[in-house]
Protein backbone atom coordinates (compact mmCIF):
# COMPACT_ATOMS: atom_id res chain seq x y z
CA MET A 1 -22.96 -3.89 2.74
CA ILE A 2 -22.19 -6.23 0.38
CA GLN A 3 -25.38 -6.61 -1.47
CA ASN A 4 -25.17 -2.71 -1.61
CA ILE A 5 -21.95 -2.72 -3.04
CA ILE A 6 -23.54 -5.54 -5.93
CA GLU A 7 -26.58 -3.06 -6.14
CA ASN A 8 -24.13 -0.27 -7.06
CA TYR A 9 -22.60 -2.12 -9.58
CA LYS A 10 -23.55 -2.60 -13.09
CA ASN A 11 -20.96 -4.95 -13.98
CA LYS A 12 -21.27 -7.34 -11.23
CA LEU A 13 -17.63 -9.17 -11.62
CA PHE A 14 -16.23 -9.40 -8.13
CA LEU A 15 -12.78 -11.03 -6.92
CA VAL A 16 -12.02 -11.44 -3.44
CA ALA A 17 -8.70 -11.76 -2.12
CA TYR A 18 -8.84 -15.20 -0.16
CA SER A 19 -6.18 -15.98 2.70
CA GLY A 20 -7.99 -18.90 4.19
CA GLY A 21 -8.12 -16.95 7.90
CA MET A 22 -11.72 -15.91 9.33
CA ASP A 23 -11.70 -12.31 7.58
CA SER A 24 -11.63 -12.95 4.28
CA THR A 25 -13.57 -17.03 4.50
CA VAL A 26 -16.55 -14.72 6.16
CA LEU A 27 -16.39 -12.72 3.20
CA LEU A 28 -16.54 -15.21 0.63
CA HIS A 29 -18.90 -17.13 2.47
CA GLN A 30 -21.49 -14.12 1.97
CA LEU A 31 -20.76 -13.73 -1.42
CA ILE A 32 -21.50 -17.32 -2.20
CA LYS A 33 -25.28 -16.47 -0.19
CA ILE A 34 -25.94 -13.60 -2.38
CA LYS A 35 -24.50 -15.56 -5.19
CA GLN A 36 -26.97 -18.52 -3.84
CA LYS A 37 -30.38 -16.03 -4.84
CA ASN A 38 -28.88 -13.94 -7.43
CA ARG A 39 -27.70 -15.45 -10.25
CA GLN A 40 -26.41 -12.34 -12.11
CA ILE A 41 -23.18 -12.06 -10.27
CA SER A 42 -19.82 -13.43 -11.23
CA VAL A 43 -17.44 -14.50 -7.96
CA ARG A 44 -13.67 -15.87 -7.70
CA ALA A 45 -11.70 -16.03 -5.42
CA ILE A 46 -7.58 -15.83 -5.59
CA HIS A 47 -5.56 -17.56 -2.73
CA ILE A 48 -1.51 -16.25 -3.31
CA ASN A 49 0.74 -19.00 -0.84
CA HIS A 50 3.48 -17.16 0.49
CA ASN A 51 5.16 -20.35 1.24
CA ILE A 52 7.01 -18.89 4.40
CA HIS A 53 5.08 -21.07 6.91
CA THR A 54 5.46 -24.83 7.51
CA ASN A 55 2.15 -25.15 6.70
CA SER A 56 1.51 -23.18 3.98
CA THR A 57 1.03 -26.25 1.68
CA LYS A 58 -1.90 -27.22 4.21
CA TRP A 59 -3.37 -23.78 4.20
CA LYS A 60 -3.83 -24.03 0.12
CA VAL A 61 -5.65 -27.27 0.26
CA HIS A 62 -8.05 -25.68 2.52
CA CYS A 63 -8.84 -22.81 0.09
CA ILE A 64 -9.18 -24.89 -2.51
CA THR A 65 -11.18 -27.43 -0.78
CA PHE A 66 -13.67 -24.66 0.66
CA CYS A 67 -13.93 -23.60 -3.47
CA LYS A 68 -14.50 -26.67 -4.97
CA THR A 69 -17.34 -27.41 -2.30
CA TYR A 70 -19.00 -23.91 -3.15
CA ASN A 71 -18.36 -24.19 -7.07
CA ILE A 72 -16.14 -20.72 -6.71
CA PRO A 73 -13.66 -20.77 -8.95
CA LEU A 74 -10.17 -20.52 -7.27
CA ILE A 75 -6.90 -18.55 -8.68
CA VAL A 76 -3.39 -20.25 -6.52
CA GLU A 77 -0.22 -18.17 -6.83
CA GLU A 78 3.01 -18.78 -5.24
CA ILE A 79 5.34 -16.74 -3.80
CA ASP A 80 8.95 -18.47 -3.67
CA ILE A 81 11.02 -14.91 -2.44
CA ASN A 82 14.01 -14.59 0.20
CA ILE A 83 13.38 -11.78 1.82
CA THR A 84 15.69 -10.37 5.00
CA ASN A 85 14.33 -6.93 4.96
CA ASN A 86 10.82 -5.21 5.22
CA ILE A 87 8.77 -8.66 5.28
CA GLU A 88 5.81 -7.19 5.32
CA GLU A 89 5.99 -4.50 3.10
CA GLN A 90 7.53 -6.82 0.20
CA LEU A 91 5.09 -9.22 0.15
CA ARG A 92 1.94 -6.70 0.26
CA ILE A 93 3.79 -5.32 -2.57
CA ARG A 94 4.40 -9.06 -4.30
CA ARG A 95 0.42 -9.88 -3.16
CA TYR A 96 -1.02 -7.01 -4.99
CA ASN A 97 0.79 -6.93 -7.90
CA LEU A 98 -0.07 -11.24 -8.66
CA ILE A 99 -3.85 -10.07 -7.77
CA TYR A 100 -3.66 -6.72 -10.04
CA LYS A 101 -2.49 -9.48 -13.07
CA HIS A 102 -5.76 -11.91 -12.64
CA LEU A 103 -7.61 -9.15 -12.40
CA LEU A 104 -10.85 -9.17 -15.35
CA ASN A 105 -11.66 -6.06 -16.96
CA ASP A 106 -14.44 -4.24 -14.84
CA GLU A 107 -13.73 -6.55 -12.47
CA ILE A 108 -13.44 -5.63 -8.57
CA LEU A 109 -11.63 -6.82 -5.71
CA LEU A 110 -12.81 -7.85 -2.51
CA THR A 111 -10.72 -7.72 0.73
CA GLY A 112 -11.60 -8.57 3.87
CA HIS A 113 -10.11 -5.74 6.34
CA HIS A 114 -12.11 -4.56 8.80
CA LEU A 115 -12.04 -2.33 12.01
CA ASN A 116 -9.44 -3.36 13.39
CA ASP A 117 -6.82 -3.69 10.77
CA GLN A 118 -8.23 0.15 10.44
CA CYS A 119 -7.50 1.27 13.90
CA GLU A 120 -3.67 -1.04 13.49
CA THR A 121 -2.85 0.73 10.59
CA PHE A 122 -3.89 4.00 11.61
CA PHE A 123 -1.36 3.33 14.60
CA LEU A 124 1.47 2.45 12.18
CA SER A 125 1.25 5.51 10.56
CA LEU A 126 0.66 7.09 13.62
CA LYS A 127 4.49 5.19 14.22
CA ARG A 128 5.91 7.02 11.44
CA GLY A 129 5.14 9.83 11.82
CA SER A 130 2.35 10.40 8.91
CA GLY A 131 0.36 13.58 8.27
CA PRO A 132 -3.43 13.51 7.42
CA THR A 133 -2.90 11.33 4.14
CA GLY A 134 -0.91 8.43 6.37
CA LEU A 135 -3.38 8.72 9.10
CA SER A 136 -6.47 7.99 6.88
CA ALA A 137 -5.43 4.55 7.02
CA MET A 138 -7.54 2.12 4.68
CA SER A 139 -11.28 4.06 2.48
CA VAL A 140 -14.00 1.76 2.10
CA GLU A 141 -13.00 2.35 -1.77
CA THR A 142 -9.64 2.55 -3.41
CA SER A 143 -8.90 2.57 -7.45
CA PHE A 144 -6.43 0.05 -8.19
CA GLY A 145 -5.09 0.28 -11.61
CA LYS A 146 -8.12 0.43 -13.76
CA THR A 147 -10.39 -1.02 -11.51
CA LYS A 148 -11.33 -0.47 -7.42
CA ILE A 149 -10.53 -2.45 -4.32
CA ILE A 150 -13.50 -2.25 -2.07
CA ARG A 151 -13.26 -3.09 1.69
CA PRO A 152 -16.73 -3.74 2.65
CA PHE A 153 -15.84 -4.93 6.79
CA LEU A 154 -14.02 -1.76 7.57
CA ASN A 155 -16.18 -0.43 9.58
CA GLN A 156 -17.09 -3.72 11.91
CA THR A 157 -14.95 -4.98 14.46
CA LYS A 158 -13.42 -8.91 14.06
CA LYS A 159 -15.45 -9.76 17.53
CA GLU A 160 -18.92 -8.91 14.46
CA LEU A 161 -17.26 -11.04 11.71
CA LYS A 162 -16.01 -14.09 14.06
CA THR A 163 -19.91 -14.15 16.02
CA TRP A 164 -21.06 -14.17 12.11
CA ALA A 165 -18.54 -16.91 11.00
CA ASN A 166 -19.77 -19.12 14.31
CA LEU A 167 -23.22 -18.97 13.71
CA ASN A 168 -22.75 -20.01 10.12
CA ASN A 169 -20.73 -23.26 11.72
CA LEU A 170 -17.08 -21.76 8.87
CA THR A 171 -14.02 -23.47 9.22
CA TRP A 172 -10.81 -21.01 8.70
CA ILE A 173 -7.14 -21.15 9.01
CA GLU A 174 -5.33 -20.00 11.96
CA ASP A 175 -2.07 -18.42 11.61
CA ALA A 176 0.37 -18.86 14.79
CA THR A 177 2.59 -15.90 12.86
CA ASN A 178 -0.19 -13.54 14.09
CA PHE A 179 0.39 -14.01 17.26
CA ASN A 180 4.14 -13.46 16.99
CA ILE A 181 4.61 -10.18 18.53
CA ASN A 182 8.04 -8.89 17.05
CA TYR A 183 5.80 -7.77 14.12
CA ASP A 184 4.51 -4.00 14.69
CA ARG A 185 1.31 -5.04 13.87
CA ASN A 186 1.12 -8.25 15.20
CA PHE A 187 2.52 -5.45 18.33
CA ILE A 188 -0.02 -3.77 18.16
CA ARG A 189 -3.10 -6.53 17.87
CA HIS A 190 -2.37 -7.67 20.46
CA LYS A 191 -0.16 -5.55 23.57
CA ILE A 192 -1.90 -2.40 22.34
CA LEU A 193 -5.73 -2.05 21.76
CA PRO A 194 -6.58 -4.37 24.01
CA ILE A 195 -5.58 -2.11 26.46
CA LEU A 196 -7.67 1.22 24.65
CA GLU A 197 -10.03 -0.97 24.29
CA LYS A 198 -10.37 -2.29 27.76
CA LYS A 199 -10.39 0.95 29.08
CA TRP A 200 -12.74 2.55 26.60
CA PRO A 201 -14.75 0.37 25.10
CA PHE A 202 -15.83 2.72 21.68
CA PHE A 203 -12.00 3.43 20.90
CA LEU A 204 -12.41 1.29 17.99
CA LYS A 205 -15.02 3.03 16.23
CA ASN A 206 -13.61 6.13 17.19
CA CYS A 207 -10.37 5.30 15.60
CA PHE A 208 -12.47 4.66 13.03
CA ARG A 209 -13.81 8.24 12.95
CA THR A 210 -10.51 10.09 13.35
CA THR A 211 -9.74 8.02 9.93
CA LYS A 212 -12.08 9.11 8.18
CA ILE A 213 -11.91 12.74 9.35
CA CYS A 214 -8.60 12.41 8.04
CA ASN A 215 -9.74 11.42 4.53
CA GLU A 216 -12.26 13.29 3.44
CA GLU A 217 -9.82 16.75 4.82
CA THR A 218 -7.66 14.65 2.60
CA ILE A 219 -9.63 14.87 -0.33
CA LEU A 220 -10.58 18.98 0.40
CA LYS A 221 -6.72 19.54 0.63
CA ASN A 222 -6.24 17.99 -3.01
CA ILE A 223 -9.06 18.99 -4.74
CA PHE A 224 -7.34 21.94 -4.10
CA LEU A 225 -4.01 21.68 -4.91
CA LYS A 226 -5.09 19.95 -7.89
CA GLU A 227 -6.41 23.44 -9.71
CA LYS A 228 -3.43 25.67 -7.99
CA ILE A 229 -0.99 23.09 -9.59
CA GLN A 230 -2.07 23.38 -13.02
CA LYS A 231 -0.51 26.66 -13.22
CA PHE A 232 3.18 25.28 -12.57
CA ILE A 233 3.32 21.78 -14.14
CA ARG A 234 5.02 22.39 -17.54
CA PHE A 235 4.85 20.76 -20.74
CA ASP A 236 7.25 17.69 -19.55
CA GLU A 237 5.78 17.09 -16.32
CA ALA A 238 8.58 19.30 -14.50
CA LEU A 239 6.94 21.37 -11.49
CA ASN A 240 7.72 25.40 -12.18
CA ILE A 241 9.51 26.81 -9.04
CA LYS A 242 10.41 30.18 -9.89
CA ASN A 243 8.02 31.90 -7.99
CA PHE A 244 7.81 29.37 -4.62
CA LYS A 245 9.70 31.66 -2.66
CA ASN A 246 6.84 34.18 -2.35
CA PHE A 247 4.57 31.35 -0.68
CA GLN A 248 4.15 30.47 2.25
CA GLU A 249 6.05 27.34 3.43
CA GLU A 250 3.09 25.23 4.12
CA ILE A 251 1.67 25.65 0.49
CA CYS A 252 5.35 25.49 -1.52
CA LYS A 253 5.35 21.51 0.82
CA ALA A 254 1.46 20.76 0.08
CA LEU A 255 2.64 21.39 -3.63
CA ILE A 256 6.04 19.80 -3.89
CA ARG A 257 4.55 16.79 -1.73
CA TYR A 258 1.48 17.02 -4.15
CA TRP A 259 2.99 16.67 -7.41
CA ILE A 260 5.53 14.01 -6.45
CA SER A 261 2.12 11.99 -5.66
CA LEU A 262 1.29 12.21 -9.55
CA LYS A 263 3.90 9.81 -9.98
CA ASN A 264 2.38 6.70 -8.63
CA ILE A 265 4.89 6.05 -6.25
CA LYS A 266 5.12 6.36 -2.23
CA ILE A 267 5.65 9.79 -1.23
CA PRO A 268 8.70 10.38 0.48
CA SER A 269 9.27 11.37 3.85
CA TYR A 270 8.51 14.35 5.86
CA LYS A 271 12.19 15.09 6.18
CA ASN A 272 12.91 14.90 2.25
CA ILE A 273 9.86 17.43 1.55
CA GLN A 274 11.29 20.07 4.07
CA ARG A 275 15.10 19.41 2.81
CA ILE A 276 13.27 20.00 -0.62
CA TYR A 277 12.31 23.25 0.46
CA ASN A 278 14.65 24.05 2.63
CA GLU A 279 17.81 23.64 -0.08
CA ILE A 280 16.12 25.01 -3.15
CA ILE A 281 13.36 27.11 -2.73
CA HIS A 282 14.46 28.59 0.58
CA ASN A 283 18.01 29.11 -0.63
CA GLN A 284 17.79 28.63 -4.18
CA GLU A 285 21.64 27.91 -3.70
CA ASN A 286 21.64 24.41 -3.79
CA ILE A 287 21.10 23.46 -7.40
CA ASN A 288 22.56 19.81 -7.52
CA LEU A 289 20.60 19.17 -5.50
CA LYS A 290 19.15 14.89 -5.80
CA ILE A 291 17.15 13.04 -3.62
CA ILE A 292 16.48 9.81 -4.49
CA ILE A 293 13.27 8.36 -3.92
CA GLN A 294 12.97 3.93 -4.32
CA LYS A 295 14.54 3.82 -7.87
CA ASN A 296 13.75 7.49 -8.27
CA GLU A 297 15.42 11.13 -8.09
CA ILE A 298 14.28 14.43 -7.53
CA ARG A 299 16.51 16.64 -9.44
CA CYS A 300 16.51 20.79 -9.90
CA TYR A 301 17.31 22.81 -13.59
CA LYS A 302 16.42 26.06 -14.32
CA LYS A 303 13.84 27.01 -11.72
CA SER A 304 11.89 23.37 -11.54
CA LEU A 305 12.20 20.08 -10.35
CA TYR A 306 12.27 17.07 -12.31
CA PHE A 307 11.08 13.34 -11.29
CA ILE A 308 13.55 11.38 -12.68
CA LYS A 309 14.02 7.62 -13.00
CA ILE A 310 17.07 6.43 -12.20
CA LYS A 311 18.99 4.36 -15.15
CA LYS A 312 21.89 2.59 -15.56
CA ASN A 313 24.99 4.39 -16.53
CA ILE A 314 26.25 3.61 -19.88
CA GLN A 315 28.85 6.63 -20.08
CA ASN A 316 31.12 3.63 -21.76
CA MET A 317 29.15 1.93 -23.98
CA ILE A 318 29.75 1.92 -27.88
CA LEU A 319 27.09 0.36 -30.29
CA PHE A 320 28.15 -0.45 -33.67
CA TRP A 321 25.47 0.10 -35.98
CA HIS A 322 26.77 -2.33 -38.92
CA ASN A 323 23.22 -2.94 -41.09
CA THR A 324 21.61 0.85 -41.29
CA ASN A 325 18.74 -0.48 -42.78
CA TYR A 326 17.80 -1.92 -39.42
CA LYS A 327 16.72 0.27 -36.57
CA LEU A 328 19.40 0.35 -34.13
CA ILE A 329 17.54 -0.37 -30.40
CA LEU A 330 18.89 1.85 -27.78
CA PRO A 331 19.56 1.37 -23.88
CA ASN A 332 17.96 2.29 -21.25
CA ASN A 333 14.46 2.65 -22.98
CA LEU A 334 15.76 5.07 -25.12
CA GLY A 335 13.92 4.45 -27.72
CA TYR A 336 15.82 3.62 -31.06
CA ILE A 337 17.62 4.71 -34.52
CA ILE A 338 16.20 4.79 -37.47
CA LYS A 339 17.59 5.90 -40.94
CA ASN A 340 14.62 7.52 -43.22
CA ASN A 341 14.02 9.27 -46.95
CA LYS A 342 12.77 12.12 -45.69
CA LYS A 343 12.43 13.40 -41.82
CA GLY A 344 15.56 13.20 -38.97
CA ILE A 345 18.27 15.01 -39.46
CA ASN A 346 20.18 15.47 -42.37
CA ILE A 347 24.19 15.00 -42.62
CA PRO A 348 27.36 13.53 -44.59
CA ALA A 349 26.87 9.61 -45.02
CA PRO A 350 29.07 8.25 -43.68
CA GLN A 351 32.76 6.85 -46.07
CA ASN A 352 32.93 3.17 -46.97
CA ASN A 353 35.75 2.07 -44.75
CA GLU A 354 34.05 4.06 -41.65
CA LEU A 355 32.64 2.32 -38.69
CA ILE A 356 28.80 4.01 -37.45
CA ASN A 357 28.66 3.54 -33.90
CA ILE A 358 26.64 5.52 -31.40
CA ARG A 359 27.95 6.74 -27.86
CA PHE A 360 26.88 8.45 -25.46
CA GLN A 361 30.13 10.72 -23.35
CA TYR A 362 31.70 13.39 -24.81
CA THR A 363 34.16 15.57 -23.56
CA GLY A 364 36.48 18.93 -25.61
CA LYS A 365 35.60 20.98 -27.75
CA ILE A 366 33.68 21.47 -31.06
CA LEU A 367 32.02 23.63 -33.50
CA ILE A 368 28.81 22.96 -34.06
CA LEU A 369 26.48 24.15 -37.09
CA GLY A 370 25.23 27.64 -37.08
CA LYS A 371 27.96 28.73 -34.93
CA LYS A 372 31.21 30.44 -35.30
CA LYS A 373 33.79 29.54 -32.90
CA GLN A 374 34.35 26.07 -30.89
CA ARG A 375 32.47 25.95 -27.23
CA ASN A 376 33.06 23.23 -24.78
CA ILE A 377 29.90 20.25 -25.60
CA LYS A 378 29.07 21.52 -21.44
CA LYS A 379 28.32 24.80 -22.63
CA ILE A 380 26.57 23.70 -25.54
CA TRP A 381 24.38 21.45 -23.40
CA GLN A 382 23.52 24.34 -21.37
CA GLU A 383 22.13 26.54 -23.98
CA TYR A 384 20.15 24.26 -25.30
CA ASN A 385 19.05 23.36 -21.69
CA ILE A 386 19.37 19.44 -21.80
CA PRO A 387 19.63 19.11 -17.95
CA PRO A 388 22.46 16.91 -16.82
CA TRP A 389 20.73 13.94 -16.40
CA LEU A 390 20.13 13.87 -20.03
CA ARG A 391 23.61 14.75 -20.96
CA ASN A 392 24.36 10.79 -21.01
CA GLN A 393 21.25 9.89 -21.90
CA THR A 394 21.33 11.47 -25.67
CA PRO A 395 22.86 9.55 -28.42
CA LEU A 396 26.05 10.80 -30.42
CA LEU A 397 26.77 9.75 -33.71
CA PHE A 398 30.33 9.00 -34.79
CA TYR A 399 32.23 7.89 -38.06
CA ASN A 400 34.65 6.03 -36.25
CA ASP A 401 36.21 8.28 -33.35
CA GLU A 402 34.84 11.44 -35.29
CA LEU A 403 31.77 13.10 -33.84
CA VAL A 404 28.75 13.98 -35.92
CA SER A 405 25.76 14.31 -33.97
CA ALA A 406 24.61 14.73 -31.32
CA LEU A 407 20.87 12.90 -32.51
CA GLY A 408 18.22 15.65 -31.92
CA VAL A 409 20.15 18.42 -30.74
CA PHE A 410 23.37 19.48 -32.71
CA VAL A 411 25.51 18.64 -35.78
CA VAL A 412 29.12 19.34 -35.63
CA LYS A 413 30.21 21.53 -38.44
CA LYS A 414 33.67 19.92 -39.40
CA ILE A 415 31.73 16.70 -41.08
CA ILE A 416 30.24 19.18 -43.09
CA LYS A 417 33.25 20.70 -44.50
CA ASN A 418 35.31 17.67 -44.85
CA ILE A 419 32.52 16.86 -47.61
CA ASP A 420 33.39 17.22 -51.57
CA GLU A 421 30.41 19.52 -52.62
CA SER A 422 30.86 17.62 -55.94
CA ASN A 423 30.20 14.62 -54.47
CA LYS A 424 28.00 15.15 -51.77
CA ASN A 425 26.53 12.12 -50.78
CA GLU A 426 23.94 12.36 -47.71
CA TRP A 427 21.46 10.59 -45.73
CA ASN A 428 18.88 11.17 -43.09
CA ILE A 429 18.35 9.42 -39.59
CA SER A 430 16.08 9.85 -36.74
CA TRP A 431 16.06 9.44 -33.23
CA ILE A 432 12.90 7.73 -31.77
CA SER A 433 12.51 8.26 -28.76
CA SER A 434 9.51 9.72 -25.84
CA ILE A 435 12.11 12.06 -23.76
CA PRO A 436 10.57 14.78 -23.24
CA PHE A 437 13.10 17.62 -23.85
CA ASN A 438 13.18 20.95 -22.50
CA TYR A 439 14.35 23.38 -25.32
CA ASP A 440 13.36 27.12 -25.83
CA ASN A 441 13.58 26.89 -29.14
CA ASN A 442 11.17 22.93 -29.53
CA PHE A 443 13.86 21.49 -31.95
CA ASN A 444 11.90 19.04 -33.57
CA PHE A 445 14.40 15.73 -33.32
CA ASN A 446 12.07 13.50 -35.08
């Protein structure tokens, strides 16, 4: 299997996730033997020391010694974090982030996951009530940022790998925590799978076949959804659900789930997807629905679903722009404000004694340029189709305590009328941001 992988890729750069355990030791040793015959390939290893075991330092030294013996470059990274909840998942995330940081361009990550790992993952997904996507467990090949993760042992049992290791007189680390059945994976490994294998010796192979079928079904479904969803994704990446009420429930939920998957986050639970359907698509009443998914929100506005990254509340923040020759950096990655000569909003310049400041909240009635009467600012936001979560993220320009403009949206008419036409002093300012505004009139705020 490893030989086939090497032959299939032109850029023969490989990084092995090397824990020092039996699986990764067999993987690394097989690559070393192949490299001895094929000098074109490049092999490196990376060891992540989790620092959660008393023998962590010994294991690190073992990995360093093994790689030094075979002249394999080894990267060692330390994880020193205090985790109390969901330890396995949190460590996995940190581990893969560290590994990705060290991957070279065109370098492929290889891991020692085997058939037993696959079945354990399948049962964990079954426990969580996952659908076909979750029950697909791990794939032999997975995209990993700009490169790939390949698991060459996924159709081989742990017993087969151990036989190979013993034949080659390999030594490896035995982690005692792998026998702690308080961890879900270990419980499945030591209490569930042995019983099933004893009753049905072919169980692991059939389990792998099931994951493969689920994976194929998921791929086919995603091909269909990828084509269909293009009709509903707006220019600002929102999901237009105006006509979803005419679709079958299963299609609606599949489209919503696929749309969220495009955000590269963990797919929300079945319960949350069902809630979106029941409270928005089916009833079309709960327009203020907000579902938290990790550090994001799913929001509904004007018959569309929006995927919003949760930002810090800055409603009470005031930023003073003392020197307009320099750009003013805004919080929450909202970009910056600059003064320029020709582009941007043309407005009266402040008087010498006026303090230029930026705020993110205003209440009350105002008269804006192009209108004949005052209106509540909430109505103005609605007229310009500014969704609620952007209203307190839009920079409001003030001279002292007087509102001048919501940058990129409107200019207050009062400030224009107060300027003596014979001594008119104007300036142009621009708000430079990547926020996709939802204007029907395509207002250009740059």
